[in-house]
C-alpha atoms as a PDB file:
ATOM      1  CA  MET A   1     115.053  84.708  94.497  1.00  0.00           C
ATOM      2  CA  ARG A   2     112.948  82.935  97.097  1.00  0.00           C
ATOM      3  CA  LEU A   3     111.975  84.074 100.592  1.00  0.00           C
ATOM      4  CA  VAL A   4     111.786  81.404 103.271  1.00  0.00           C
ATOM      5  CA  SER A   5     110.335  82.549 106.580  1.00  0.00           C
ATOM      6  CA  SER A   6     109.480  80.860 109.839  1.00  0.00           C
ATOM      7  CA  ALA A   7     107.183  83.810 110.622  1.00  0.00           C
ATOM      8  CA  ASP A   8     103.884  82.849 109.027  1.00  0.00           C
ATOM      9  CA  PRO A   9     101.281  85.645 109.219  1.00  0.00           C
ATOM     10  CA  SER A  10      98.595  82.967 109.709  1.00  0.00           C
ATOM     11  CA  GLN A  11     100.406  81.507 112.720  1.00  0.00           C
ATOM     12  CA  PHE A  12      98.974  82.229 116.182  1.00  0.00           C
ATOM     13  CA  PRO A  13      95.647  83.745 115.050  1.00  0.00           C
ATOM     14  CA  GLU A  14      94.637  84.340 118.685  1.00  0.00           C
ATOM     15  CA  VAL A  15      97.445  86.898 119.071  1.00  0.00           C
ATOM     16  CA  GLU A  16      96.647  90.376 117.819  1.00  0.00           C
ATOM     17  CA  ILE A  17      99.329  91.532 115.421  1.00  0.00           C
ATOM     18  CA  SER A  18      98.680  94.885 113.800  1.00  0.00           C
ATOM     19  CA  SER A  19     100.318  93.975 110.511  1.00  0.00           C
ATOM     20  CA  ARG A  20      98.779  90.498 110.143  1.00  0.00           C
ATOM     21  CA  GLU A  21      96.194  91.445 107.486  1.00  0.00           C
ATOM     22  CA  THR A  22      98.730  93.482 105.516  1.00  0.00           C
ATOM     23  CA  ASP A  23     101.242  90.621 105.735  1.00  0.00           C
ATOM     24  CA  ARG A  24      98.634  88.072 104.560  1.00  0.00           C
ATOM     25  CA  ALA A  25      97.588  90.292 101.666  1.00  0.00           C
ATOM     26  CA  LEU A  26     101.190  90.772 100.551  1.00  0.00           C
ATOM     27  CA  ALA A  27     102.080  87.087 100.932  1.00  0.00           C
ATOM     28  CA  GLY A  28      98.997  86.093  98.941  1.00  0.00           C
ATOM     29  CA  HIS A  29      99.488  88.601  96.138  1.00  0.00           C
ATOM     30  CA  PRO A  30      99.826  86.741  92.799  1.00  0.00           C
ATOM     31  CA  SER A  31     103.191  88.330  91.971  1.00  0.00           C
ATOM     32  CA  VAL A  32     104.599  87.457  95.407  1.00  0.00           C
ATOM     33  CA  ALA A  33     102.979  84.202  96.569  1.00  0.00           C
ATOM     34  CA  SER A  34     105.029  81.882  94.365  1.00  0.00           C
ATOM     35  CA  HIS A  35     108.249  83.354  95.790  1.00  0.00           C
ATOM     36  CA  ILE A  36     107.489  82.839  99.495  1.00  0.00           C
ATOM     37  CA  THR A  37     107.594  79.709 101.629  1.00  0.00           C
ATOM     38  CA  PHE A  38     106.375  79.845 105.218  1.00  0.00           C
ATOM     39  CA  THR A  39     107.879  77.033 107.261  1.00  0.00           C
ATOM     40  CA  GLY A  40     106.382  77.780 110.664  1.00  0.00           C
ATOM     41  CA  ALA A  41     108.529  76.752 113.608  1.00  0.00           C
ATOM     42  CA  ILE A  42     111.653  74.880 112.547  1.00  0.00           C
ATOM     43  CA  PRO A  43     112.970  72.095 114.803  1.00  0.00           C
ATOM     44  CA  TYR A  44     116.379  73.139 116.098  1.00  0.00           C
ATOM     45  CA  VAL A  45     118.089  70.104 114.543  1.00  0.00           C
ATOM     46  CA  GLU A  46     117.033  71.419 111.104  1.00  0.00           C
ATOM     47  CA  VAL A  47     118.106  75.047 111.574  1.00  0.00           C
ATOM     48  CA  ALA A  48     121.624  74.512 110.189  1.00  0.00           C
ATOM     49  CA  ARG A  49     120.169  73.092 106.972  1.00  0.00           C
ATOM     50  CA  PHE A  50     118.013  76.179 106.464  1.00  0.00           C
ATOM     51  CA  TYR A  51     121.027  78.438 106.923  1.00  0.00           C
ATOM     52  CA  ALA A  52     123.088  76.293 104.537  1.00  0.00           C
ATOM     53  CA  GLU A  53     120.388  76.517 101.869  1.00  0.00           C
ATOM     54  CA  SER A  54     120.176  80.313 102.141  1.00  0.00           C
ATOM     55  CA  ASP A  55     122.003  83.110 100.347  1.00  0.00           C
ATOM     56  CA  ILE A  56     121.176  86.026 102.668  1.00  0.00           C
ATOM     57  CA  PHE A  57     119.858  86.215 106.225  1.00  0.00           C
ATOM     58  CA  VAL A  58     117.386  89.037 106.916  1.00  0.00           C
ATOM     59  CA  PHE A  59     116.680  90.048 110.514  1.00  0.00           C
ATOM     60  CA  PRO A  60     113.886  92.663 110.498  1.00  0.00           C
ATOM     61  CA  SER A  61     113.345  92.935 114.245  1.00  0.00           C
ATOM     62  CA  LEU A  62     112.187  96.145 115.894  1.00  0.00           C
ATOM     63  CA  ALA A  63     113.290  95.127 119.406  1.00  0.00           C
ATOM     64  CA  GLU A  64     115.483  92.339 120.773  1.00  0.00           C
ATOM     65  CA  SER A  65     117.107  91.384 124.027  1.00  0.00           C
ATOM     66  CA  PHE A  66     119.663  89.244 122.170  1.00  0.00           C
ATOM     67  CA  GLY A  67     119.354  88.002 118.599  1.00  0.00           C
ATOM     68  CA  HIS A  68     120.674  84.435 118.714  1.00  0.00           C
ATOM     69  CA  PRO A  69     119.742  83.865 115.047  1.00  0.00           C
ATOM     70  CA  LEU A  70     122.230  86.595 114.117  1.00  0.00           C
ATOM     71  CA  VAL A  71     125.064  84.656 115.741  1.00  0.00           C
ATOM     72  CA  GLU A  72     123.869  81.423 114.119  1.00  0.00           C
ATOM     73  CA  ALA A  73     123.769  83.084 110.696  1.00  0.00           C
ATOM     74  CA  MET A  74     127.235  84.573 111.185  1.00  0.00           C
ATOM     75  CA  ALA A  75     128.604  81.186 112.281  1.00  0.00           C
ATOM     76  CA  THR A  76     127.413  79.663 109.017  1.00  0.00           C
ATOM     77  CA  GLY A  77     128.960  82.472 106.972  1.00  0.00           C
ATOM     78  CA  LEU A  78     125.726  84.024 105.757  1.00  0.00           C
ATOM     79  CA  PRO A  79     125.734  87.696 104.810  1.00  0.00           C
ATOM     80  CA  ILE A  80     123.238  89.539 106.985  1.00  0.00           C
ATOM     81  CA  VAL A  81     120.757  92.342 106.404  1.00  0.00           C
ATOM     82  CA  ALA A  82     119.733  93.514 109.880  1.00  0.00           C
ATOM     83  CA  SER A  83     117.562  96.160 111.457  1.00  0.00           C
ATOM     84  CA  ASP A  84     119.531  99.220 112.387  1.00  0.00           C
ATOM     85  CA  ILE A  85     118.947  98.827 116.117  1.00  0.00           C
ATOM     86  CA  SER A  86     121.668  98.860 118.744  1.00  0.00           C
ATOM     87  CA  ILE A  87     121.572  95.135 119.617  1.00  0.00           C
ATOM     88  CA  CYS A  88     122.006  94.122 115.961  1.00  0.00           C
ATOM     89  CA  ARG A  89     124.975  96.470 115.612  1.00  0.00           C
ATOM     90  CA  GLU A  90     126.445  95.157 118.870  1.00  0.00           C
ATOM     91  CA  ILE A  91     126.135  91.534 117.748  1.00  0.00           C
ATOM     92  CA  CYS A  92     127.051  91.850 114.062  1.00  0.00           C
ATOM     93  CA  GLY A  93     129.425  94.799 113.930  1.00  0.00           C
ATOM     94  CA  GLU A  94     130.738  94.941 110.372  1.00  0.00           C
ATOM     95  CA  ALA A  95     129.261  91.542 109.458  1.00  0.00           C
ATOM     96  CA  ALA A  96     125.956  93.045 108.285  1.00  0.00           C
ATOM     97  CA  VAL A  97     124.397  95.787 106.245  1.00  0.00           C
ATOM     98  CA  TYR A  98     121.758  97.669 108.184  1.00  0.00           C
ATOM     99  CA  PHE A  99     118.371  99.065 107.233  1.00  0.00           C
ATOM    100  CA  ASN A 100     115.794 101.284 108.873  1.00  0.00           C
ATOM    101  CA  PRO A 101     113.293  98.734 110.274  1.00  0.00           C
ATOM    102  CA  LEU A 102     110.430 101.171 109.639  1.00  0.00           C
ATOM    103  CA  ASP A 103     111.307 101.643 105.965  1.00  0.00           C
ATOM    104  CA  PRO A 104     110.427  98.694 103.684  1.00  0.00           C
ATOM    105  CA  ALA A 105     112.086 100.424 100.707  1.00  0.00           C
ATOM    106  CA  ASP A 106     115.377 100.595 102.628  1.00  0.00           C
ATOM    107  CA  LEU A 107     115.146  96.869 103.385  1.00  0.00           C
ATOM    108  CA  ALA A 108     114.479  96.084  99.720  1.00  0.00           C
ATOM    109  CA  GLU A 109     117.395  98.293  98.686  1.00  0.00           C
ATOM    110  CA  LYS A 110     119.793  96.443 101.005  1.00  0.00           C
ATOM    111  CA  ILE A 111     118.636  93.022  99.779  1.00  0.00           C
ATOM    112  CA  VAL A 112     119.132  94.085  96.168  1.00  0.00           C
ATOM    113  CA  LEU A 113     122.551  95.511  97.090  1.00  0.00           C
ATOM    114  CA  LEU A 114     123.653  92.108  98.409  1.00  0.00           C
ATOM    115  CA  LYS A 115     122.110  90.274  95.482  1.00  0.00           C
ATOM    116  CA  LYS A 116     124.113  92.390  93.036  1.00  0.00           C
ATOM    117  CA  GLN A 117     127.416  92.354  94.933  1.00  0.00           C
ATOM    118  CA  PRO A 118     128.799  88.840  95.430  1.00  0.00           C
ATOM    119  CA  ASN A 119     132.099  90.208  96.776  1.00  0.00           C
ATOM    120  CA  LEU A 120     130.235  92.110  99.493  1.00  0.00           C
ATOM    121  CA  ARG A 121     128.235  88.966 100.353  1.00  0.00           C
ATOM    122  CA  ARG A 122     131.444  86.962 100.566  1.00  0.00           C
ATOM    123  CA  ARG A 123     133.209  89.599 102.716  1.00  0.00           C
ATOM    124  CA  LEU A 124     130.255  89.894 105.119  1.00  0.00           C
ATOM    125  CA  GLY A 125     130.046  86.105 105.412  1.00  0.00           C
ATOM    126  CA  GLN A 126     133.764  85.739 106.147  1.00  0.00           C
ATOM    127  CA  TYR A 127     133.733  88.561 108.673  1.00  0.00           C
ATOM    128  CA  GLY A 128     130.625  87.149 110.338  1.00  0.00           C
ATOM    129  CA  ARG A 129     132.059  83.653 110.645  1.00  0.00           C
ATOM    130  CA  LYS A 130     135.232  85.025 112.231  1.00  0.00           C
ATOM    131  CA  ARG A 131     133.218  87.283 114.558  1.00  0.00           C
ATOM    132  CA  ALA A 132     131.002  84.383 115.664  1.00  0.00           C
ATOM    133  CA  GLU A 133     134.051  82.237 116.406  1.00  0.00           C
ATOM    134  CA  THR A 134     135.932  84.904 118.364  1.00  0.00           C
ATOM    135  CA  GLU A 135     133.178  86.893 120.084  1.00  0.00           C
ATOM    136  CA  PHE A 136     130.484  84.323 120.807  1.00  0.00           C
ATOM    137  CA  ASN A 137     132.197  81.275 122.213  1.00  0.00           C
ATOM    138  CA  TRP A 138     129.698  79.384 124.397  1.00  0.00           C
ATOM    139  CA  ASP A 139     132.333  77.996 126.789  1.00  0.00           C
ATOM    140  CA  ASP A 140     133.718  81.496 127.332  1.00  0.00           C
ATOM    141  CA  HIS A 141     130.191  82.821 127.901  1.00  0.00           C
ATOM    142  CA  VAL A 142     129.492  80.172 130.555  1.00  0.00           C
ATOM    143  CA  ARG A 143     132.860  80.830 132.240  1.00  0.00           C
ATOM    144  CA  ARG A 144     132.164  84.590 132.433  1.00  0.00           C
ATOM    145  CA  PHE A 145     128.651  83.925 133.740  1.00  0.00           C
ATOM    146  CA  VAL A 146     129.972  81.660 136.509  1.00  0.00           C
ATOM    147  CA  GLU A 147     132.627  84.276 137.403  1.00  0.00           C
ATOM    148  CA  MET A 148     129.923  86.930 137.630  1.00  0.00           C
ATOM    149  CA  ILE A 149     127.796  84.753 139.933  1.00  0.00           C
ATOM    150  CA  ASP A 150     130.844  83.953 142.103  1.00  0.00           C
ATOM    151  CA  SER A 151     131.688  87.644 142.448  1.00  0.00           C
ATOM    152  CA  MET A 152     128.162  88.398 143.622  1.00  0.00           C
ATOM    153  CA  ALA A 153     128.050  85.547 146.158  1.00  0.00           C
END
């Protein structure tokens, strides 16, 4: 199993991140380093390829206004492991397994669960793809936004 992340703990050194040193130490540990690839920012035209090359999408956010990557991952049929925060549940519904974002052992447990259960991965992926197609249609979103603006004018 390989972890690919666009969140490199060495990225943006001028920004104070409380977990940066811990993240660097973990990423550099000899038993971990060969299993992690940090990509840095990924050009949008390449995002679909990264999803297609993945087996599981992990979204460990503590706070979000809207998690667009969750919708992208669902649209590609990836099973999702997401933080158990309200926005993730609102976006993913039954298309994800959820973990306590403050409990690394819970996250690991959920990843292992998906690794060991291909039928669950398949079911989550199918449900997510359907949810993305029916609940997150961009044209419908724009139409509703325009209607909202018209009603306020």
